[in-house]
């Protein structure tokens, strides 16, 4: 993932309505929307509230898989380097 792609995802996230979003269900338990709640005043606002919210939601379908792939790639890199350091350490220990 490029730095530009990360910046674009971050910009969409920062522009969206802040706070915790929750799934809203109807009386039968079916998903019927997304809401943002204010626990102090008990206010509830429907999401999306802005064009930025719409953009954030629409892009989530490609952003989330891309971020998951990047995390997995970084974990693989980390595991590779940890194994390499361990092997080199063993080899150096054997030279003593």
N, C-alpha and C. Protein backbone atom coordinates (compact mmCIF):
# COMPACT_ATOMS: atom_id res chain seq x y z
N UNK A 1 0.85 -1.17 0.00
CA UNK A 1 0.00 0.00 0.00
C UNK A 1 0.90 1.23 0.00
N UNK A 2 0.57 2.17 -0.85
CA UNK A 2 1.40 3.36 -0.95
C UNK A 2 1.05 4.37 0.14
N UNK A 3 1.97 5.28 0.37
CA UNK A 3 1.71 6.36 1.34
C UNK A 3 0.52 7.20 0.89
N UNK A 4 0.39 7.41 -0.41
CA UNK A 4 -0.74 8.20 -0.93
C UNK A 4 -2.07 7.50 -0.64
N UNK A 5 -2.11 6.19 -0.82
CA UNK A 5 -3.34 5.44 -0.52
C UNK A 5 -3.69 5.56 0.97
N UNK A 6 -2.68 5.44 1.83
CA UNK A 6 -2.93 5.59 3.26
C UNK A 6 -3.44 6.98 3.59
N UNK A 7 -2.86 8.01 2.97
CA UNK A 7 -3.30 9.38 3.21
C UNK A 7 -4.75 9.59 2.76
N UNK A 8 -5.12 8.99 1.65
CA UNK A 8 -6.49 9.12 1.15
C UNK A 8 -7.49 8.45 2.10
N UNK A 9 -7.15 7.26 2.58
CA UNK A 9 -8.02 6.57 3.54
C UNK A 9 -8.12 7.39 4.82
N UNK A 10 -6.99 7.88 5.31
CA UNK A 10 -6.98 8.68 6.53
C UNK A 10 -7.81 9.95 6.36
N UNK A 11 -7.71 10.60 5.22
CA UNK A 11 -8.49 11.82 4.97
C UNK A 11 -9.98 11.53 4.99
N UNK A 12 -10.39 10.41 4.38
CA UNK A 12 -11.82 10.05 4.40
C UNK A 12 -12.29 9.78 5.83
N UNK A 13 -11.46 9.07 6.60
CA UNK A 13 -11.83 8.76 7.99
C UNK A 13 -11.91 10.03 8.82
N UNK A 14 -10.96 10.94 8.64
CA UNK A 14 -10.95 12.18 9.41
C UNK A 14 -12.09 13.11 9.04
N UNK A 15 -12.55 13.05 7.79
CA UNK A 15 -13.62 13.93 7.33
C UNK A 15 -15.00 13.44 7.75
N UNK A 16 -15.14 12.16 8.01
CA UNK A 16 -16.44 11.59 8.38
C UNK A 16 -16.85 12.06 9.78
N UNK A 17 -18.13 12.00 10.05
CA UNK A 17 -18.65 12.39 11.36
C UNK A 17 -17.94 11.59 12.45
N UNK A 18 -17.38 12.29 13.45
CA UNK A 18 -16.65 11.59 14.51
C UNK A 18 -17.58 10.84 15.46
N UNK A 19 -16.97 10.06 16.32
CA UNK A 19 -17.75 9.35 17.33
C UNK A 19 -17.97 7.91 16.95
N UNK A 20 -18.58 7.20 17.84
CA UNK A 20 -18.85 5.78 17.61
C UNK A 20 -20.15 5.64 16.84
N UNK A 21 -20.09 4.91 15.75
CA UNK A 21 -21.28 4.63 14.97
C UNK A 21 -21.80 3.26 15.37
N UNK A 22 -23.10 3.10 15.36
CA UNK A 22 -23.70 1.83 15.74
C UNK A 22 -24.74 1.42 14.71
N UNK A 23 -24.98 0.12 14.66
CA UNK A 23 -26.03 -0.40 13.79
C UNK A 23 -27.37 -0.18 14.47
N UNK A 24 -28.32 0.30 13.70
CA UNK A 24 -29.68 0.48 14.22
C UNK A 24 -30.55 -0.64 13.66
N UNK A 25 -31.33 -1.25 14.52
CA UNK A 25 -32.21 -2.34 14.11
C UNK A 25 -33.66 -1.96 14.33
N UNK A 26 -34.53 -2.52 13.52
CA UNK A 26 -35.96 -2.27 13.71
C UNK A 26 -36.49 -3.22 14.78
N UNK A 27 -37.78 -3.16 14.99
CA UNK A 27 -38.39 -3.95 16.07
C UNK A 27 -38.27 -5.46 15.86
N UNK A 28 -38.02 -5.88 14.62
CA UNK A 28 -37.86 -7.32 14.35
C UNK A 28 -36.39 -7.74 14.35
N UNK A 29 -35.48 -6.80 14.60
CA UNK A 29 -34.07 -7.12 14.66
C UNK A 29 -33.32 -6.95 13.36
N UNK A 30 -34.02 -6.55 12.30
CA UNK A 30 -33.35 -6.35 11.01
C UNK A 30 -32.58 -5.04 10.99
N UNK A 31 -31.45 -5.05 10.31
CA UNK A 31 -30.65 -3.84 10.15
C UNK A 31 -31.47 -2.81 9.39
N UNK A 32 -31.53 -1.59 9.92
CA UNK A 32 -32.29 -0.56 9.22
C UNK A 32 -31.53 0.74 9.08
N UNK A 33 -30.30 0.80 9.57
CA UNK A 33 -29.52 2.01 9.39
C UNK A 33 -28.32 2.04 10.30
N UNK A 34 -27.63 3.18 10.25
CA UNK A 34 -26.47 3.42 11.09
C UNK A 34 -26.76 4.69 11.88
N UNK A 35 -26.42 4.68 13.15
CA UNK A 35 -26.66 5.85 13.98
C UNK A 35 -25.40 6.23 14.75
N UNK A 36 -25.36 7.48 15.15
CA UNK A 36 -24.33 7.96 16.07
C UNK A 36 -25.08 8.39 17.32
N UNK A 37 -24.60 7.94 18.46
CA UNK A 37 -25.29 8.29 19.70
C UNK A 37 -24.40 9.14 20.59
N UNK A 38 -25.04 10.02 21.34
CA UNK A 38 -24.36 10.80 22.37
C UNK A 38 -24.87 10.25 23.69
N UNK A 39 -24.03 9.54 24.40
CA UNK A 39 -24.45 8.87 25.62
C UNK A 39 -24.78 9.84 26.75
N UNK A 40 -24.25 11.05 26.68
CA UNK A 40 -24.51 12.03 27.73
C UNK A 40 -25.92 12.59 27.62
N UNK A 41 -26.31 12.99 26.42
CA UNK A 41 -27.62 13.62 26.24
C UNK A 41 -28.68 12.67 25.68
N UNK A 42 -28.26 11.45 25.36
CA UNK A 42 -29.14 10.43 24.78
C UNK A 42 -29.64 10.81 23.38
N UNK A 43 -28.95 11.73 22.71
CA UNK A 43 -29.32 12.11 21.35
C UNK A 43 -28.88 11.02 20.38
N UNK A 44 -29.63 10.87 19.30
CA UNK A 44 -29.32 9.90 18.26
C UNK A 44 -29.41 10.62 16.92
N UNK A 45 -28.35 10.42 16.10
CA UNK A 45 -28.35 11.05 14.78
C UNK A 45 -28.19 9.97 13.73
N UNK A 46 -28.93 10.08 12.64
CA UNK A 46 -28.75 9.09 11.57
C UNK A 46 -27.44 9.33 10.83
N UNK A 47 -26.82 8.27 10.39
CA UNK A 47 -25.62 8.32 9.55
C UNK A 47 -26.05 7.74 8.20
N UNK A 48 -25.70 8.31 7.08
CA UNK A 48 -24.75 9.40 6.92
C UNK A 48 -25.40 10.76 7.14
N UNK A 49 -24.61 11.65 7.73
CA UNK A 49 -25.07 13.01 7.96
C UNK A 49 -24.50 13.99 6.95
N UNK A 50 -23.38 13.61 6.33
CA UNK A 50 -22.70 14.51 5.39
C UNK A 50 -22.25 13.73 4.15
N UNK A 51 -21.84 14.48 3.14
CA UNK A 51 -21.27 13.86 1.94
C UNK A 51 -20.00 13.09 2.29
N UNK A 52 -19.23 13.59 3.28
CA UNK A 52 -18.02 12.90 3.71
C UNK A 52 -18.35 11.55 4.33
N UNK A 53 -19.47 11.46 5.06
CA UNK A 53 -19.90 10.17 5.61
C UNK A 53 -20.21 9.18 4.49
N UNK A 54 -20.90 9.67 3.46
CA UNK A 54 -21.26 8.83 2.32
C UNK A 54 -19.99 8.33 1.63
N UNK A 55 -19.03 9.21 1.42
CA UNK A 55 -17.76 8.84 0.79
C UNK A 55 -17.03 7.79 1.63
N UNK A 56 -16.98 8.01 2.96
CA UNK A 56 -16.31 7.08 3.86
C UNK A 56 -16.96 5.69 3.79
N UNK A 57 -18.28 5.64 3.84
CA UNK A 57 -19.01 4.37 3.80
C UNK A 57 -18.80 3.68 2.45
N UNK A 58 -18.91 4.43 1.37
CA UNK A 58 -18.78 3.85 0.03
C UNK A 58 -17.37 3.30 -0.20
N UNK A 59 -16.36 3.98 0.31
CA UNK A 59 -14.97 3.54 0.10
C UNK A 59 -14.56 2.43 1.05
N UNK A 60 -15.33 2.20 2.11
CA UNK A 60 -14.97 1.18 3.09
C UNK A 60 -14.85 -0.20 2.43
N UNK A 61 -15.63 -0.45 1.38
CA UNK A 61 -15.61 -1.77 0.73
C UNK A 61 -14.25 -2.09 0.15
N UNK A 62 -13.53 -1.09 -0.35
CA UNK A 62 -12.19 -1.35 -0.85
C UNK A 62 -11.11 -0.99 0.16
N UNK A 63 -11.38 -0.01 1.03
CA UNK A 63 -10.37 0.40 2.02
C UNK A 63 -10.08 -0.69 3.04
N UNK A 64 -11.11 -1.30 3.57
CA UNK A 64 -10.91 -2.31 4.62
C UNK A 64 -10.13 -3.52 4.10
N UNK A 65 -10.49 -4.11 2.95
CA UNK A 65 -9.67 -5.21 2.45
C UNK A 65 -8.22 -4.79 2.17
N UNK A 66 -8.02 -3.59 1.66
CA UNK A 66 -6.65 -3.12 1.39
C UNK A 66 -5.86 -2.99 2.69
N UNK A 67 -6.49 -2.48 3.73
CA UNK A 67 -5.81 -2.34 5.03
C UNK A 67 -5.52 -3.71 5.64
N UNK A 68 -6.44 -4.64 5.51
CA UNK A 68 -6.22 -6.00 6.02
C UNK A 68 -5.04 -6.64 5.28
N UNK A 69 -5.00 -6.48 3.97
CA UNK A 69 -3.89 -7.04 3.19
C UNK A 69 -2.57 -6.42 3.62
N UNK A 70 -2.57 -5.12 3.89
CA UNK A 70 -1.34 -4.45 4.32
C UNK A 70 -0.89 -4.95 5.69
N UNK A 71 -1.80 -5.14 6.61
CA UNK A 71 -1.45 -5.67 7.93
C UNK A 71 -0.86 -7.07 7.79
N UNK A 72 -1.48 -7.89 6.97
CA UNK A 72 -0.96 -9.25 6.77
C UNK A 72 0.43 -9.23 6.14
N UNK A 73 0.65 -8.35 5.16
CA UNK A 73 1.96 -8.24 4.53
C UNK A 73 3.01 -7.81 5.55
N UNK A 74 2.67 -6.84 6.38
CA UNK A 74 3.61 -6.38 7.39
C UNK A 74 3.92 -7.46 8.42
N UNK A 75 2.91 -8.25 8.78
CA UNK A 75 3.14 -9.36 9.71
C UNK A 75 4.06 -10.40 9.10
N UNK A 76 3.86 -10.69 7.82
CA UNK A 76 4.74 -11.65 7.15
C UNK A 76 6.17 -11.12 7.13
N UNK A 77 6.34 -9.85 6.83
CA UNK A 77 7.68 -9.24 6.85
C UNK A 77 8.30 -9.34 8.23
N UNK A 78 7.52 -9.03 9.25
CA UNK A 78 8.02 -9.10 10.62
C UNK A 78 8.45 -10.51 10.96
N UNK A 79 7.61 -11.48 10.63
CA UNK A 79 7.94 -12.88 10.92
C UNK A 79 9.20 -13.31 10.18
N UNK A 80 9.34 -12.88 8.93
CA UNK A 80 10.53 -13.22 8.15
C UNK A 80 11.78 -12.65 8.83
N UNK A 81 11.72 -11.39 9.22
CA UNK A 81 12.89 -10.76 9.84
C UNK A 81 13.20 -11.36 11.20
N UNK A 82 12.17 -11.72 11.95
CA UNK A 82 12.41 -12.38 13.24
C UNK A 82 13.10 -13.72 13.04
N UNK A 83 12.65 -14.51 12.04
CA UNK A 83 13.29 -15.79 11.76
C UNK A 83 14.74 -15.58 11.30
N UNK A 84 14.95 -14.57 10.47
CA UNK A 84 16.29 -14.29 9.97
C UNK A 84 17.23 -13.91 11.10
N UNK A 85 16.76 -13.05 12.00
CA UNK A 85 17.59 -12.65 13.15
C UNK A 85 17.88 -13.85 14.03
N UNK A 86 16.89 -14.69 14.25
CA UNK A 86 17.08 -15.89 15.06
C UNK A 86 18.10 -16.83 14.42
N UNK A 87 18.01 -17.04 13.11
CA UNK A 87 18.95 -17.92 12.42
C UNK A 87 20.36 -17.35 12.46
N UNK A 88 20.49 -16.05 12.24
CA UNK A 88 21.81 -15.42 12.28
C UNK A 88 22.39 -15.50 13.68
N UNK A 89 21.55 -15.31 14.67
CA UNK A 89 22.00 -15.40 16.04
C UNK A 89 22.53 -16.80 16.36
N UNK A 90 21.81 -17.82 15.90
CA UNK A 90 22.24 -19.21 16.10
C UNK A 90 23.56 -19.46 15.38
N UNK A 91 23.68 -18.95 14.15
CA UNK A 91 24.92 -19.15 13.39
C UNK A 91 26.09 -18.45 14.07
N UNK A 92 25.88 -17.25 14.56
CA UNK A 92 26.94 -16.52 15.24
C UNK A 92 27.31 -17.20 16.55
N UNK A 93 26.31 -17.74 17.22
CA UNK A 93 26.57 -18.47 18.47
C UNK A 93 27.38 -19.71 18.22
N UNK A 94 27.22 -20.32 17.08
CA UNK A 94 27.96 -21.52 16.74
C UNK A 94 29.40 -21.24 16.37
N UNK A 95 29.71 -19.96 16.10
CA UNK A 95 31.09 -19.61 15.73
C UNK A 95 31.99 -19.40 16.95
N UNK A 96 31.40 -19.31 18.10
CA UNK A 96 32.20 -19.05 19.32
C UNK A 96 33.09 -20.19 19.68
